[in-house]
N, C-alpha and C. Protein backbone atom coordinates (compact mmCIF):
# COMPACT_ATOMS: atom_id res chain seq x y z
N MET A 1 80.21 28.62 142.60
CA MET A 1 79.50 29.06 141.41
C MET A 1 78.02 29.13 141.75
N GLY A 2 77.39 30.25 141.44
CA GLY A 2 75.97 30.41 141.68
C GLY A 2 75.16 29.61 140.68
N GLU A 3 73.89 29.40 141.01
CA GLU A 3 73.01 28.61 140.14
C GLU A 3 72.90 29.23 138.74
N ALA A 4 72.71 30.56 138.69
CA ALA A 4 72.58 31.22 137.39
C ALA A 4 73.86 31.06 136.57
N ASN A 5 75.01 31.20 137.23
CA ASN A 5 76.28 31.03 136.53
C ASN A 5 76.46 29.58 136.07
N GLY A 6 76.03 28.64 136.90
CA GLY A 6 76.10 27.23 136.52
C GLY A 6 75.26 26.93 135.30
N GLN A 7 74.07 27.52 135.25
CA GLN A 7 73.20 27.34 134.08
C GLN A 7 73.84 27.93 132.84
N LEU A 8 74.45 29.10 132.99
CA LEU A 8 75.12 29.74 131.86
C LEU A 8 76.27 28.87 131.36
N ILE A 9 77.08 28.35 132.26
CA ILE A 9 78.21 27.50 131.88
C ILE A 9 77.70 26.25 131.14
N ARG A 10 76.63 25.64 131.65
CA ARG A 10 76.06 24.47 130.97
C ARG A 10 75.57 24.83 129.56
N PHE A 11 74.90 25.97 129.45
CA PHE A 11 74.42 26.42 128.14
C PHE A 11 75.60 26.63 127.18
N LEU A 12 76.61 27.32 127.65
CA LEU A 12 77.78 27.60 126.81
C LEU A 12 78.47 26.32 126.37
N SER A 13 78.54 25.37 127.26
CA SER A 13 79.21 24.11 126.97
C SER A 13 78.35 23.20 126.09
N GLN A 14 77.14 22.93 126.54
CA GLN A 14 76.30 21.94 125.88
C GLN A 14 75.62 22.47 124.61
N ASP A 15 75.07 23.66 124.68
CA ASP A 15 74.30 24.18 123.55
C ASP A 15 75.17 24.92 122.53
N MET A 16 76.18 25.64 123.03
CA MET A 16 77.01 26.43 122.12
C MET A 16 78.32 25.73 121.77
N GLY A 17 78.64 24.67 122.48
CA GLY A 17 79.82 23.88 122.14
C GLY A 17 81.16 24.47 122.53
N LEU A 18 81.16 25.41 123.48
CA LEU A 18 82.45 25.96 123.93
C LEU A 18 83.17 24.91 124.77
N SER A 19 84.46 24.82 124.56
CA SER A 19 85.25 23.79 125.25
C SER A 19 85.47 24.15 126.72
N THR A 20 85.80 23.14 127.49
CA THR A 20 86.12 23.33 128.90
C THR A 20 87.29 24.29 129.04
N ARG A 21 88.26 24.18 128.16
CA ARG A 21 89.44 25.05 128.20
C ARG A 21 89.05 26.51 127.98
N VAL A 22 88.22 26.77 126.98
CA VAL A 22 87.77 28.14 126.70
C VAL A 22 86.99 28.69 127.89
N LEU A 23 86.11 27.88 128.46
CA LEU A 23 85.31 28.34 129.60
C LEU A 23 86.18 28.61 130.82
N ALA A 24 87.17 27.76 131.07
CA ALA A 24 88.07 27.97 132.21
C ALA A 24 88.87 29.25 132.02
N THR A 25 89.36 29.48 130.82
CA THR A 25 90.11 30.70 130.52
C THR A 25 89.22 31.92 130.72
N ALA A 26 88.01 31.86 130.21
CA ALA A 26 87.08 32.98 130.33
C ALA A 26 86.75 33.27 131.79
N GLN A 27 86.59 32.24 132.59
CA GLN A 27 86.27 32.45 134.01
C GLN A 27 87.44 33.09 134.74
N LYS A 28 88.68 32.72 134.39
CA LYS A 28 89.85 33.36 134.99
C LYS A 28 89.89 34.84 134.61
N LEU A 29 89.66 35.11 133.34
CA LEU A 29 89.64 36.50 132.87
C LEU A 29 88.51 37.28 133.53
N GLN A 30 87.37 36.64 133.71
CA GLN A 30 86.22 37.29 134.34
C GLN A 30 86.56 37.74 135.75
N ARG A 31 87.26 36.90 136.49
CA ARG A 31 87.64 37.27 137.86
C ARG A 31 88.59 38.47 137.84
N ARG A 32 89.44 38.54 136.83
CA ARG A 32 90.41 39.63 136.73
C ARG A 32 89.73 40.95 136.35
N VAL A 33 88.85 40.90 135.37
CA VAL A 33 88.23 42.14 134.88
C VAL A 33 86.89 42.44 135.54
N ARG A 34 86.35 41.47 136.25
CA ARG A 34 85.08 41.62 136.98
C ARG A 34 83.93 42.08 136.09
N GLY A 35 83.79 41.40 134.98
CA GLY A 35 82.70 41.72 134.06
C GLY A 35 81.84 40.51 133.82
N PRO A 36 80.70 40.71 133.16
CA PRO A 36 79.82 39.58 132.83
C PRO A 36 80.52 38.60 131.89
N LEU A 37 80.35 37.33 132.15
CA LEU A 37 81.03 36.30 131.37
C LEU A 37 80.79 36.43 129.86
N PRO A 38 79.56 36.67 129.40
CA PRO A 38 79.37 36.81 127.95
C PRO A 38 80.21 37.95 127.35
N MET A 39 80.34 39.05 128.07
CA MET A 39 81.14 40.17 127.57
C MET A 39 82.62 39.84 127.57
N VAL A 40 83.07 39.10 128.57
CA VAL A 40 84.47 38.67 128.61
C VAL A 40 84.76 37.77 127.42
N LEU A 41 83.86 36.85 127.15
CA LEU A 41 84.03 35.96 126.00
C LEU A 41 84.16 36.76 124.70
N LEU A 42 83.33 37.78 124.55
CA LEU A 42 83.36 38.62 123.35
C LEU A 42 84.63 39.46 123.30
N GLN A 43 84.97 40.12 124.39
CA GLN A 43 86.13 41.01 124.42
C GLN A 43 87.43 40.29 124.09
N TYR A 44 87.53 39.04 124.48
CA TYR A 44 88.76 38.30 124.24
C TYR A 44 88.68 37.42 122.99
N GLY A 45 87.65 37.65 122.18
CA GLY A 45 87.55 36.96 120.90
C GLY A 45 87.20 35.49 120.98
N LEU A 46 86.60 35.08 122.11
CA LEU A 46 86.26 33.68 122.29
C LEU A 46 84.89 33.35 121.71
N ILE A 47 84.08 34.38 121.46
CA ILE A 47 82.81 34.25 120.75
C ILE A 47 82.67 35.45 119.82
N ASP A 48 81.75 35.37 118.86
CA ASP A 48 81.49 36.50 117.98
C ASP A 48 80.17 37.17 118.36
N LEU A 49 79.82 38.22 117.64
CA LEU A 49 78.60 38.97 117.97
C LEU A 49 77.33 38.14 117.83
N MET A 50 77.29 37.26 116.86
CA MET A 50 76.11 36.40 116.69
C MET A 50 75.96 35.46 117.88
N GLN A 51 77.07 34.93 118.36
CA GLN A 51 77.03 34.05 119.53
C GLN A 51 76.64 34.84 120.78
N LEU A 52 77.13 36.08 120.89
CA LEU A 52 76.73 36.91 122.03
C LEU A 52 75.23 37.11 122.01
N GLN A 53 74.67 37.38 120.85
CA GLN A 53 73.22 37.58 120.74
C GLN A 53 72.47 36.32 121.16
N GLU A 54 72.97 35.17 120.77
CA GLU A 54 72.35 33.90 121.16
C GLU A 54 72.37 33.73 122.69
N ILE A 55 73.48 34.09 123.31
CA ILE A 55 73.60 34.00 124.77
C ILE A 55 72.62 34.95 125.43
N LEU A 56 72.56 36.19 124.94
CA LEU A 56 71.66 37.18 125.53
C LEU A 56 70.20 36.76 125.36
N ASP A 57 69.85 36.22 124.20
CA ASP A 57 68.49 35.73 123.99
C ASP A 57 68.17 34.61 124.97
N TRP A 58 69.13 33.71 125.17
CA TRP A 58 68.93 32.61 126.13
C TRP A 58 68.72 33.17 127.54
N GLN A 59 69.54 34.14 127.94
CA GLN A 59 69.41 34.70 129.28
C GLN A 59 68.05 35.37 129.47
N ILE A 60 67.58 36.07 128.46
CA ILE A 60 66.28 36.74 128.55
C ILE A 60 65.16 35.72 128.69
N SER A 61 65.32 34.56 128.07
CA SER A 61 64.26 33.55 128.09
C SER A 61 64.13 32.84 129.43
N LEU A 62 65.10 33.02 130.31
CA LEU A 62 65.04 32.34 131.61
C LEU A 62 63.92 32.86 132.48
């Protein structure tokens, strides 16, 4: 896992409260579809549009 991905996972877990199970599922799906993790989370209904916006805002602030 790269540093940026590690930071994203920590943010999703600690700040957004996503469970380890949800994150593990999303990472498996991400490897299959080869897309950005936030989009995978949205596409599979694991987050909503407001949460996606929060993630994107966080990424921009880095």
